[in-house]
Amino acid sequence: MAIKLMIDSASDIGEKEAKEMGIIMVPMIITIGKEEFYDGVNITPREFYEKLIESDELPKTTQINPYRFEEAIKENLKDGDELLIITISSKLSGTYSSALQAAIIFDGRVRVIDSMNAAIGERILCEYALRLIDEGVSFDEIVNELEEKKSKIHVLALIDTLEYLKKGGRISSTVAFAGELISLKPVIGVVGGEVKMVGKAIGSRRGNNLLNRLVESKGGIDFTMPYGTIWSGLDDSMLQKYINDSASLWEGHTDKIPSYILGGTIGTHIGPGAIGVAFFEK
């Protein structure tokens, strides 16, 4: 008898890493042109960005349907086991609804948590769930704890280009053009389960400073809980510069700053060159 954890690939935990962590990953489907990929399975984040940069069309992501969740549950749920599913925010995808529909037939042995987040925000909630499982916390207590703590997660990211928000119809061509002219660097966050602009600065240096101020305005990072940084594109040089420039956030608290690459589900709309941080508030 065991408590198992299942997540979707919007958490940016790929198939190989999921196996190493002892969790089950169900991938989103990403369509680029006429090619279809299982996110984190037969396309890596780096390969995704190579294709994103080369493609004139914006990739499309497809939510996980109830049948795929049901099949994954049946494959992994043994007699006496309980299964916890953590999904991308219900405000961003129908994946949470699909997981709920699939869970109904398993008589309470499968519970679904709407992370109200995505990417690294979803990831750190998964990491906390794993910690609770390892500590031997009961199934019901884990569900209650995650539901309580998920509202304390903050994800903040500095975007390098407005091009992909324009392609996705999130902003107009006029706004994107004007923003590029003045090197506008928006800071986005996940607010109430949705991705929203929470600040903007002119140039990368001011953007980094704004990112730090926003982290501090949220009460600072709880280093006793999972946290991490994220980057998008083909290299992490922008993130490493940010980490060095924001040493005051980390010094005296940690010797290791986890960093991860943003996957295709959210990377489609953000594009390369973004950097971000995710944490539980103090």
C-alpha atoms as a PDB file:
ATOM      1  CA  MET A   1       0.000   0.000   0.000  1.00  0.00           C
ATOM      2  CA  ALA A   2       1.435   3.354  -1.029  1.00  0.00           C
ATOM      3  CA  ILE A   3       0.533   6.940  -1.836  1.00  0.00           C
ATOM      4  CA  LYS A   4       1.541   7.730  -5.408  1.00  0.00           C
ATOM      5  CA  LEU A   5       1.856  11.092  -7.149  1.00  0.00           C
ATOM      6  CA  MET A   6       0.840  11.905 -10.734  1.00  0.00           C
ATOM      7  CA  ILE A   7       1.496  15.195 -12.515  1.00  0.00           C
ATOM      8  CA  ASP A   8       1.113  16.650 -15.993  1.00  0.00           C
ATOM      9  CA  SER A   9       3.964  17.924 -18.145  1.00  0.00           C
ATOM     10  CA  ALA A  10       2.958  21.559 -17.583  1.00  0.00           C
ATOM     11  CA  SER A  11       5.004  21.147 -14.378  1.00  0.00           C
ATOM     12  CA  ASP A  12       8.085  21.005 -16.658  1.00  0.00           C
ATOM     13  CA  ILE A  13       9.058  17.671 -15.132  1.00  0.00           C
ATOM     14  CA  GLY A  14      10.007  15.468 -18.084  1.00  0.00           C
ATOM     15  CA  GLU A  15       9.481  11.711 -18.325  1.00  0.00           C
ATOM     16  CA  LYS A  16      13.046  10.772 -17.338  1.00  0.00           C
ATOM     17  CA  GLU A  17      13.158  13.095 -14.310  1.00  0.00           C
ATOM     18  CA  ALA A  18       9.689  11.975 -13.215  1.00  0.00           C
ATOM     19  CA  LYS A  19      10.887   8.370 -13.080  1.00  0.00           C
ATOM     20  CA  GLU A  20      13.935   9.425 -11.050  1.00  0.00           C
ATOM     21  CA  MET A  21      11.640  11.274  -8.617  1.00  0.00           C
ATOM     22  CA  GLY A  22       9.283   8.313  -8.354  1.00  0.00           C
ATOM     23  CA  ILE A  23       6.272  10.114  -9.817  1.00  0.00           C
ATOM     24  CA  ILE A  24       4.024   9.499 -12.819  1.00  0.00           C
ATOM     25  CA  MET A  25       4.012  12.122 -15.565  1.00  0.00           C
ATOM     26  CA  VAL A  26       1.186  12.386 -18.108  1.00  0.00           C
ATOM     27  CA  PRO A  27       2.292  14.565 -21.051  1.00  0.00           C
ATOM     28  CA  MET A  28       0.461  17.348 -22.831  1.00  0.00           C
ATOM     29  CA  ILE A  29       0.454  17.156 -26.629  1.00  0.00           C
ATOM     30  CA  ILE A  30       2.283  19.935 -28.492  1.00  0.00           C
ATOM     31  CA  THR A  31       1.650  20.475 -32.198  1.00  0.00           C
ATOM     32  CA  ILE A  32       4.272  22.398 -34.188  1.00  0.00           C
ATOM     33  CA  GLY A  33       3.259  22.793 -37.834  1.00  0.00           C
ATOM     34  CA  LYS A  34       2.262  19.283 -38.901  1.00  0.00           C
ATOM     35  CA  GLU A  35       4.329  17.541 -36.211  1.00  0.00           C
ATOM     36  CA  GLU A  36       2.835  16.257 -32.966  1.00  0.00           C
ATOM     37  CA  PHE A  37       4.888  15.676 -29.823  1.00  0.00           C
ATOM     38  CA  TYR A  38       4.368  14.401 -26.299  1.00  0.00           C
ATOM     39  CA  ASP A  39       5.742  17.165 -24.094  1.00  0.00           C
ATOM     40  CA  GLY A  40       8.765  16.011 -22.109  1.00  0.00           C
ATOM     41  CA  VAL A  41       8.705  12.557 -23.724  1.00  0.00           C
ATOM     42  CA  ASN A  42       9.729  12.732 -27.381  1.00  0.00           C
ATOM     43  CA  ILE A  43      10.679  16.405 -27.411  1.00  0.00           C
ATOM     44  CA  THR A  44      13.028  18.089 -24.944  1.00  0.00           C
ATOM     45  CA  PRO A  45      12.627  21.757 -23.944  1.00  0.00           C
ATOM     46  CA  ARG A  46      15.755  22.645 -25.926  1.00  0.00           C
ATOM     47  CA  GLU A  47      14.388  20.921 -29.039  1.00  0.00           C
ATOM     48  CA  PHE A  48      11.110  22.751 -28.495  1.00  0.00           C
ATOM     49  CA  TYR A  49      12.828  26.177 -28.481  1.00  0.00           C
ATOM     50  CA  GLU A  50      14.821  25.318 -31.588  1.00  0.00           C
ATOM     51  CA  LYS A  51      11.568  24.547 -33.389  1.00  0.00           C
ATOM     52  CA  LEU A  52       9.770  27.556 -31.837  1.00  0.00           C
ATOM     53  CA  ILE A  53      12.443  29.986 -33.066  1.00  0.00           C
ATOM     54  CA  GLU A  54      12.441  28.471 -36.559  1.00  0.00           C
ATOM     55  CA  SER A  55       8.652  28.242 -36.950  1.00  0.00           C
ATOM     56  CA  ASP A  56       6.424  31.011 -38.306  1.00  0.00           C
ATOM     57  CA  GLU A  57       3.405  29.421 -36.622  1.00  0.00           C
ATOM     58  CA  LEU A  58       2.815  29.410 -32.887  1.00  0.00           C
ATOM     59  CA  PRO A  59       2.753  25.843 -31.498  1.00  0.00           C
ATOM     60  CA  LYS A  60      -0.559  24.536 -30.151  1.00  0.00           C
ATOM     61  CA  THR A  61      -0.945  22.663 -26.887  1.00  0.00           C
ATOM     62  CA  THR A  62      -3.710  20.133 -26.237  1.00  0.00           C
ATOM     63  CA  GLN A  63      -5.078  19.388 -22.789  1.00  0.00           C
ATOM     64  CA  ILE A  64      -4.987  15.834 -21.426  1.00  0.00           C
ATOM     65  CA  ASN A  65      -8.384  14.194 -21.913  1.00  0.00           C
ATOM     66  CA  PRO A  66     -10.174  11.999 -19.308  1.00  0.00           C
ATOM     67  CA  TYR A  67      -9.423   8.767 -21.187  1.00  0.00           C
ATOM     68  CA  ARG A  68      -5.637   9.306 -21.051  1.00  0.00           C
ATOM     69  CA  PHE A  69      -5.831  10.039 -17.316  1.00  0.00           C
ATOM     70  CA  GLU A  70      -8.017   6.967 -16.723  1.00  0.00           C
ATOM     71  CA  GLU A  71      -5.580   4.718 -18.580  1.00  0.00           C
ATOM     72  CA  ALA A  72      -2.594   6.154 -16.677  1.00  0.00           C
ATOM     73  CA  ILE A  73      -4.417   5.641 -13.359  1.00  0.00           C
ATOM     74  CA  LYS A  74      -5.325   2.021 -14.160  1.00  0.00           C
ATOM     75  CA  GLU A  75      -1.739   1.302 -15.156  1.00  0.00           C
ATOM     76  CA  ASN A  76      -0.265   2.673 -11.921  1.00  0.00           C
ATOM     77  CA  LEU A  77      -2.884   2.172  -9.187  1.00  0.00           C
ATOM     78  CA  LYS A  78      -2.323  -1.182  -7.487  1.00  0.00           C
ATOM     79  CA  ASP A  79      -4.571  -2.772  -4.836  1.00  0.00           C
ATOM     80  CA  GLY A  80      -4.547  -0.675  -1.674  1.00  0.00           C
ATOM     81  CA  ASP A  81      -2.726   2.258  -3.291  1.00  0.00           C
ATOM     82  CA  GLU A  82      -3.931   5.847  -3.194  1.00  0.00           C
ATOM     83  CA  LEU A  83      -3.119   8.335  -5.934  1.00  0.00           C
ATOM     84  CA  LEU A  84      -2.786  12.103  -5.832  1.00  0.00           C
ATOM     85  CA  ILE A  85      -2.949  14.037  -9.122  1.00  0.00           C
ATOM     86  CA  ILE A  86      -1.630  17.614  -9.322  1.00  0.00           C
ATOM     87  CA  THR A  87      -2.524  19.550 -12.479  1.00  0.00           C
ATOM     88  CA  ILE A  88      -1.946  22.836 -14.230  1.00  0.00           C
ATOM     89  CA  SER A  89      -4.327  25.626 -13.160  1.00  0.00           C
ATOM     90  CA  SER A  90      -7.952  25.100 -14.175  1.00  0.00           C
ATOM     91  CA  LYS A  91      -7.905  28.740 -15.367  1.00  0.00           C
ATOM     92  CA  LEU A  92      -5.263  27.853 -17.971  1.00  0.00           C
ATOM     93  CA  SER A  93      -6.357  24.408 -19.164  1.00  0.00           C
ATOM     94  CA  GLY A  94      -9.188  21.884 -19.048  1.00  0.00           C
ATOM     95  CA  THR A  95      -6.701  19.265 -17.804  1.00  0.00           C
ATOM     96  CA  TYR A  96      -7.885  19.584 -14.187  1.00  0.00           C
ATOM     97  CA  SER A  97     -11.471  18.894 -15.254  1.00  0.00           C
ATOM     98  CA  SER A  98     -10.306  15.845 -17.233  1.00  0.00           C
ATOM     99  CA  ALA A  99      -8.465  14.471 -14.198  1.00  0.00           C
ATOM    100  CA  LEU A 100     -11.571  14.948 -12.025  1.00  0.00           C
ATOM    101  CA  GLN A 101     -13.714  13.040 -14.522  1.00  0.00           C
ATOM    102  CA  ALA A 102     -11.213  10.195 -14.614  1.00  0.00           C
ATOM    103  CA  ALA A 103     -10.881  10.049 -10.807  1.00  0.00           C
ATOM    104  CA  ILE A 104     -14.620   9.583 -10.137  1.00  0.00           C
ATOM    105  CA  ILE A 105     -14.669   5.861 -10.916  1.00  0.00           C
ATOM    106  CA  PHE A 106     -11.927   5.000  -8.395  1.00  0.00           C
ATOM    107  CA  ASP A 107     -14.044   5.366  -5.220  1.00  0.00           C
ATOM    108  CA  GLY A 108     -12.051   8.085  -3.470  1.00  0.00           C
ATOM    109  CA  ARG A 109      -8.676   6.400  -3.955  1.00  0.00           C
ATOM    110  CA  VAL A 110      -7.733   9.119  -6.459  1.00  0.00           C
ATOM    111  CA  ARG A 111      -7.778  12.798  -5.452  1.00  0.00           C
ATOM    112  CA  VAL A 112      -7.080  15.760  -7.729  1.00  0.00           C
ATOM    113  CA  ILE A 113      -5.435  19.042  -6.726  1.00  0.00           C
ATOM    114  CA  ASP A 114      -5.797  22.128  -8.928  1.00  0.00           C
ATOM    115  CA  SER A 115      -2.364  23.713  -8.469  1.00  0.00           C
ATOM    116  CA  MET A 116      -3.752  27.105  -9.583  1.00  0.00           C
ATOM    117  CA  ASN A 117      -0.336  27.413 -11.174  1.00  0.00           C
ATOM    118  CA  ALA A 118       1.885  26.122 -13.958  1.00  0.00           C
ATOM    119  CA  ALA A 119       5.522  25.435 -14.815  1.00  0.00           C
ATOM    120  CA  ILE A 120       7.813  25.908 -11.824  1.00  0.00           C
ATOM    121  CA  GLY A 121       4.898  26.967  -9.586  1.00  0.00           C
ATOM    122  CA  GLU A 122       3.239  23.613 -10.206  1.00  0.00           C
ATOM    123  CA  ARG A 123       6.589  21.885  -9.804  1.00  0.00           C
ATOM    124  CA  ILE A 124       7.330  23.194  -6.308  1.00  0.00           C
ATOM    125  CA  LEU A 125       3.856  22.119  -5.148  1.00  0.00           C
ATOM    126  CA  CYS A 126       4.691  18.625  -6.490  1.00  0.00           C
ATOM    127  CA  GLU A 127       8.004  18.680  -4.623  1.00  0.00           C
ATOM    128  CA  TYR A 128       6.189  19.594  -1.404  1.00  0.00           C
ATOM    129  CA  ALA A 129       3.704  16.754  -1.976  1.00  0.00           C
ATOM    130  CA  LEU A 130       6.624  14.327  -2.354  1.00  0.00           C
ATOM    131  CA  ARG A 131       8.112  15.582   0.912  1.00  0.00           C
ATOM    132  CA  LEU A 132       4.827  14.951   2.745  1.00  0.00           C
ATOM    133  CA  ILE A 133       4.527  11.454   1.236  1.00  0.00           C
ATOM    134  CA  ASP A 134       8.103  10.640   2.311  1.00  0.00           C
ATOM    135  CA  GLU A 135       7.325  11.893   5.837  1.00  0.00           C
ATOM    136  CA  GLY A 136       4.448   9.399   6.087  1.00  0.00           C
ATOM    137  CA  VAL A 137       1.673  12.000   6.262  1.00  0.00           C
ATOM    138  CA  SER A 138      -1.792  10.500   5.639  1.00  0.00           C
ATOM    139  CA  PHE A 139      -3.560  10.852   2.286  1.00  0.00           C
ATOM    140  CA  ASP A 140      -6.293  13.183   3.579  1.00  0.00           C
ATOM    141  CA  GLU A 141      -3.787  15.318   5.486  1.00  0.00           C
ATOM    142  CA  ILE A 142      -1.622  15.700   2.373  1.00  0.00           C
ATOM    143  CA  VAL A 143      -4.611  16.855   0.321  1.00  0.00           C
ATOM    144  CA  ASN A 144      -5.631  19.382   2.992  1.00  0.00           C
ATOM    145  CA  GLU A 145      -2.069  20.677   3.404  1.00  0.00           C
ATOM    146  CA  LEU A 146      -1.576  21.172  -0.332  1.00  0.00           C
ATOM    147  CA  GLU A 147      -4.915  22.941  -0.703  1.00  0.00           C
ATOM    148  CA  GLU A 148      -3.883  25.320   2.074  1.00  0.00           C
ATOM    149  CA  LYS A 149      -0.294  25.929   0.994  1.00  0.00           C
ATOM    150  CA  LYS A 150      -0.853  26.356  -2.763  1.00  0.00           C
ATOM    151  CA  SER A 151      -2.180  29.899  -2.220  1.00  0.00           C
ATOM    152  CA  LYS A 152       1.220  30.861  -0.781  1.00  0.00           C
ATOM    153  CA  ILE A 153       3.079  30.065  -4.034  1.00  0.00           C
ATOM    154  CA  HIS A 154       4.328  32.972  -6.124  1.00  0.00           C
ATOM    155  CA  VAL A 155       5.762  32.756  -9.626  1.00  0.00           C
ATOM    156  CA  LEU A 156       7.329  35.890 -11.114  1.00  0.00           C
ATOM    157  CA  ALA A 157       9.025  36.042 -14.511  1.00  0.00           C
ATOM    158  CA  LEU A 158      10.734  38.711 -16.601  1.00  0.00           C
ATOM    159  CA  ILE A 159       9.958  38.357 -20.318  1.00  0.00           C
ATOM    160  CA  ASP A 160      12.613  39.226 -22.890  1.00  0.00           C
ATOM    161  CA  THR A 161      10.359  39.607 -25.950  1.00  0.00           C
ATOM    162  CA  LEU A 162       6.728  40.513 -26.602  1.00  0.00           C
ATOM    163  CA  GLU A 163       6.715  38.642 -29.918  1.00  0.00           C
ATOM    164  CA  TYR A 164       5.119  35.444 -28.641  1.00  0.00           C
ATOM    165  CA  LEU A 165       2.439  37.220 -26.610  1.00  0.00           C
ATOM    166  CA  LYS A 166       1.598  39.025 -29.860  1.00  0.00           C
ATOM    167  CA  LYS A 167       1.516  35.787 -31.877  1.00  0.00           C
ATOM    168  CA  GLY A 168      -0.783  34.218 -29.312  1.00  0.00           C
ATOM    169  CA  GLY A 169      -3.163  37.173 -29.438  1.00  0.00           C
ATOM    170  CA  ARG A 170      -2.470  38.185 -25.824  1.00  0.00           C
ATOM    171  CA  ILE A 171      -1.397  41.694 -26.894  1.00  0.00           C
ATOM    172  CA  SER A 172      -1.864  43.678 -30.092  1.00  0.00           C
ATOM    173  CA  SER A 173       0.795  44.156 -32.788  1.00  0.00           C
ATOM    174  CA  THR A 174       0.812  47.889 -32.021  1.00  0.00           C
ATOM    175  CA  VAL A 175       1.513  47.340 -28.335  1.00  0.00           C
ATOM    176  CA  ALA A 176       4.204  44.762 -29.133  1.00  0.00           C
ATOM    177  CA  PHE A 177       5.919  47.073 -31.637  1.00  0.00           C
ATOM    178  CA  ALA A 178       5.871  50.030 -29.248  1.00  0.00           C
ATOM    179  CA  GLY A 179       7.178  47.845 -26.429  1.00  0.00           C
ATOM    180  CA  GLU A 180      10.066  46.509 -28.502  1.00  0.00           C
ATOM    181  CA  LEU A 181      11.048  50.050 -29.509  1.00  0.00           C
ATOM    182  CA  ILE A 182      11.622  51.083 -25.891  1.00  0.00           C
ATOM    183  CA  SER A 183      12.961  47.674 -24.752  1.00  0.00           C
ATOM    184  CA  LEU A 184       9.937  47.120 -22.509  1.00  0.00           C
ATOM    185  CA  LYS A 185      10.457  44.134 -20.211  1.00  0.00           C
ATOM    186  CA  PRO A 186       7.181  42.993 -18.630  1.00  0.00           C
ATOM    187  CA  VAL A 187       7.130  41.006 -15.395  1.00  0.00           C
ATOM    188  CA  ILE A 188       4.357  38.448 -15.319  1.00  0.00           C
ATOM    189  CA  GLY A 189       3.012  36.453 -12.404  1.00  0.00           C
ATOM    190  CA  VAL A 190       0.408  33.802 -11.728  1.00  0.00           C
ATOM    191  CA  VAL A 191      -2.456  35.568  -9.977  1.00  0.00           C
ATOM    192  CA  GLY A 192      -5.595  33.662  -9.031  1.00  0.00           C
ATOM    193  CA  GLY A 193      -4.539  30.835 -11.319  1.00  0.00           C
ATOM    194  CA  GLU A 194      -4.104  33.103 -14.351  1.00  0.00           C
ATOM    195  CA  VAL A 195      -1.006  34.600 -15.985  1.00  0.00           C
ATOM    196  CA  LYS A 196      -1.100  38.380 -15.615  1.00  0.00           C
ATOM    197  CA  MET A 197       1.280  41.305 -16.034  1.00  0.00           C
ATOM    198  CA  VAL A 198       2.331  42.524 -12.589  1.00  0.00           C
ATOM    199  CA  GLY A 199       4.924  45.133 -13.603  1.00  0.00           C
ATOM    200  CA  LYS A 200       7.038  46.503 -16.424  1.00  0.00           C
ATOM    201  CA  ALA A 201      10.431  48.104 -16.766  1.00  0.00           C
ATOM    202  CA  ILE A 202      12.597  49.627 -19.487  1.00  0.00           C
ATOM    203  CA  GLY A 203      15.600  47.380 -20.132  1.00  0.00           C
ATOM    204  CA  SER A 204      16.867  44.159 -18.580  1.00  0.00           C
ATOM    205  CA  ARG A 205      18.737  45.750 -15.641  1.00  0.00           C
ATOM    206  CA  ARG A 206      15.670  47.627 -14.401  1.00  0.00           C
ATOM    207  CA  GLY A 207      13.639  44.497 -15.076  1.00  0.00           C
ATOM    208  CA  ASN A 208      15.887  42.450 -12.793  1.00  0.00           C
ATOM    209  CA  ASN A 209      15.588  45.079 -10.059  1.00  0.00           C
ATOM    210  CA  LEU A 210      11.806  45.097 -10.435  1.00  0.00           C
ATOM    211  CA  LEU A 211      11.737  41.312 -10.185  1.00  0.00           C
ATOM    212  CA  ASN A 212      13.635  41.482  -6.889  1.00  0.00           C
ATOM    213  CA  ARG A 213      11.348  44.179  -5.509  1.00  0.00           C
ATOM    214  CA  LEU A 214       8.302  42.098  -6.385  1.00  0.00           C
ATOM    215  CA  VAL A 215       9.797  39.049  -4.643  1.00  0.00           C
ATOM    216  CA  GLU A 216      10.348  41.143  -1.513  1.00  0.00           C
ATOM    217  CA  SER A 217       6.840  42.622  -1.746  1.00  0.00           C
ATOM    218  CA  LYS A 218       5.412  39.094  -1.493  1.00  0.00           C
ATOM    219  CA  GLY A 219       7.069  38.638   1.885  1.00  0.00           C
ATOM    220  CA  GLY A 220      10.283  37.070   0.632  1.00  0.00           C
ATOM    221  CA  ILE A 221      11.223  33.442   0.027  1.00  0.00           C
ATOM    222  CA  ASP A 222      10.481  30.701   2.572  1.00  0.00           C
ATOM    223  CA  PHE A 223      13.687  28.689   2.240  1.00  0.00           C
ATOM    224  CA  THR A 224      12.261  25.842   4.349  1.00  0.00           C
ATOM    225  CA  MET A 225       9.929  25.058   1.439  1.00  0.00           C
ATOM    226  CA  PRO A 226      10.661  24.103  -2.190  1.00  0.00           C
ATOM    227  CA  TYR A 227      11.757  27.013  -4.426  1.00  0.00           C
ATOM    228  CA  GLY A 228      13.613  27.516  -7.673  1.00  0.00           C
ATOM    229  CA  THR A 229      14.422  29.619 -10.713  1.00  0.00           C
ATOM    230  CA  ILE A 230      13.517  29.141 -14.357  1.00  0.00           C
ATOM    231  CA  TRP A 231      14.723  30.194 -17.799  1.00  0.00           C
ATOM    232  CA  SER A 232      13.563  29.775 -21.379  1.00  0.00           C
ATOM    233  CA  GLY A 233      15.466  29.435 -24.647  1.00  0.00           C
ATOM    234  CA  LEU A 234      18.698  27.800 -25.716  1.00  0.00           C
ATOM    235  CA  ASP A 235      20.953  28.845 -22.825  1.00  0.00           C
ATOM    236  CA  ASP A 236      20.651  30.050 -19.232  1.00  0.00           C
ATOM    237  CA  SER A 237      23.100  32.972 -19.379  1.00  0.00           C
ATOM    238  CA  MET A 238      20.389  35.547 -18.591  1.00  0.00           C
ATOM    239  CA  LEU A 239      19.322  33.563 -15.538  1.00  0.00           C
ATOM    240  CA  GLN A 240      22.891  33.169 -14.256  1.00  0.00           C
ATOM    241  CA  LYS A 241      23.392  36.931 -14.568  1.00  0.00           C
ATOM    242  CA  TYR A 242      20.153  37.529 -12.650  1.00  0.00           C
ATOM    243  CA  ILE A 243      21.186  35.118  -9.875  1.00  0.00           C
ATOM    244  CA  ASN A 244      24.551  36.886  -9.522  1.00  0.00           C
ATOM    245  CA  ASP A 245      22.951  40.342  -9.568  1.00  0.00           C
ATOM    246  CA  SER A 246      20.363  39.348  -6.951  1.00  0.00           C
ATOM    247  CA  ALA A 247      22.780  37.766  -4.487  1.00  0.00           C
ATOM    248  CA  SER A 248      21.067  39.526  -1.576  1.00  0.00           C
ATOM    249  CA  LEU A 249      17.997  37.317  -2.082  1.00  0.00           C
ATOM    250  CA  TRP A 250      19.979  34.123  -1.568  1.00  0.00           C
ATOM    251  CA  GLU A 251      23.036  34.894   0.584  1.00  0.00           C
ATOM    252  CA  GLY A 252      22.878  33.406   4.051  1.00  0.00           C
ATOM    253  CA  HIS A 253      19.864  31.291   3.103  1.00  0.00           C
ATOM    254  CA  THR A 254      21.054  28.700   0.608  1.00  0.00           C
ATOM    255  CA  ASP A 255      24.158  27.367  -1.129  1.00  0.00           C
ATOM    256  CA  LYS A 256      22.154  25.855  -3.961  1.00  0.00           C
ATOM    257  CA  ILE A 257      19.700  27.649  -6.231  1.00  0.00           C
ATOM    258  CA  PRO A 258      17.722  25.110  -8.282  1.00  0.00           C
ATOM    259  CA  SER A 259      17.177  26.135 -11.897  1.00  0.00           C
ATOM    260  CA  TYR A 260      14.965  24.576 -14.557  1.00  0.00           C
ATOM    261  CA  ILE A 261      14.154  25.201 -18.195  1.00  0.00           C
ATOM    262  CA  LEU A 262      10.608  26.298 -19.046  1.00  0.00           C
ATOM    263  CA  GLY A 263       8.890  23.636 -21.134  1.00  0.00           C
ATOM    264  CA  GLY A 264       6.685  23.897 -24.174  1.00  0.00           C
ATOM    265  CA  THR A 265       3.257  24.266 -22.535  1.00  0.00           C
ATOM    266  CA  ILE A 266       3.946  27.752 -21.163  1.00  0.00           C
ATOM    267  CA  GLY A 267       7.064  28.453 -23.263  1.00  0.00           C
ATOM    268  CA  THR A 268       4.824  28.648 -26.336  1.00  0.00           C
ATOM    269  CA  HIS A 269       3.377  31.930 -25.051  1.00  0.00           C
ATOM    270  CA  ILE A 270       6.511  33.317 -23.364  1.00  0.00           C
ATOM    271  CA  GLY A 271       9.220  32.590 -25.918  1.00  0.00           C
ATOM    272  CA  PRO A 272      12.985  32.435 -25.312  1.00  0.00           C
ATOM    273  CA  GLY A 273      14.979  34.733 -23.024  1.00  0.00           C
ATOM    274  CA  ALA A 274      12.631  34.739 -20.030  1.00  0.00           C
ATOM    275  CA  ILE A 275      13.839  34.276 -16.455  1.00  0.00           C
ATOM    276  CA  GLY A 276      11.826  33.732 -13.305  1.00  0.00           C
ATOM    277  CA  VAL A 277      11.606  32.627  -9.715  1.00  0.00           C
ATOM    278  CA  ALA A 278       9.046  30.557  -7.808  1.00  0.00           C
ATOM    279  CA  PHE A 279       8.676  30.252  -4.052  1.00  0.00           C
ATOM    280  CA  PHE A 280       6.340  29.888  -1.090  1.00  0.00           C
ATOM    281  CA  GLU A 281       5.955  33.184   0.741  1.00  0.00           C
ATOM    282  CA  LYS A 282       7.169  33.368   4.324  1.00  0.00           C
END
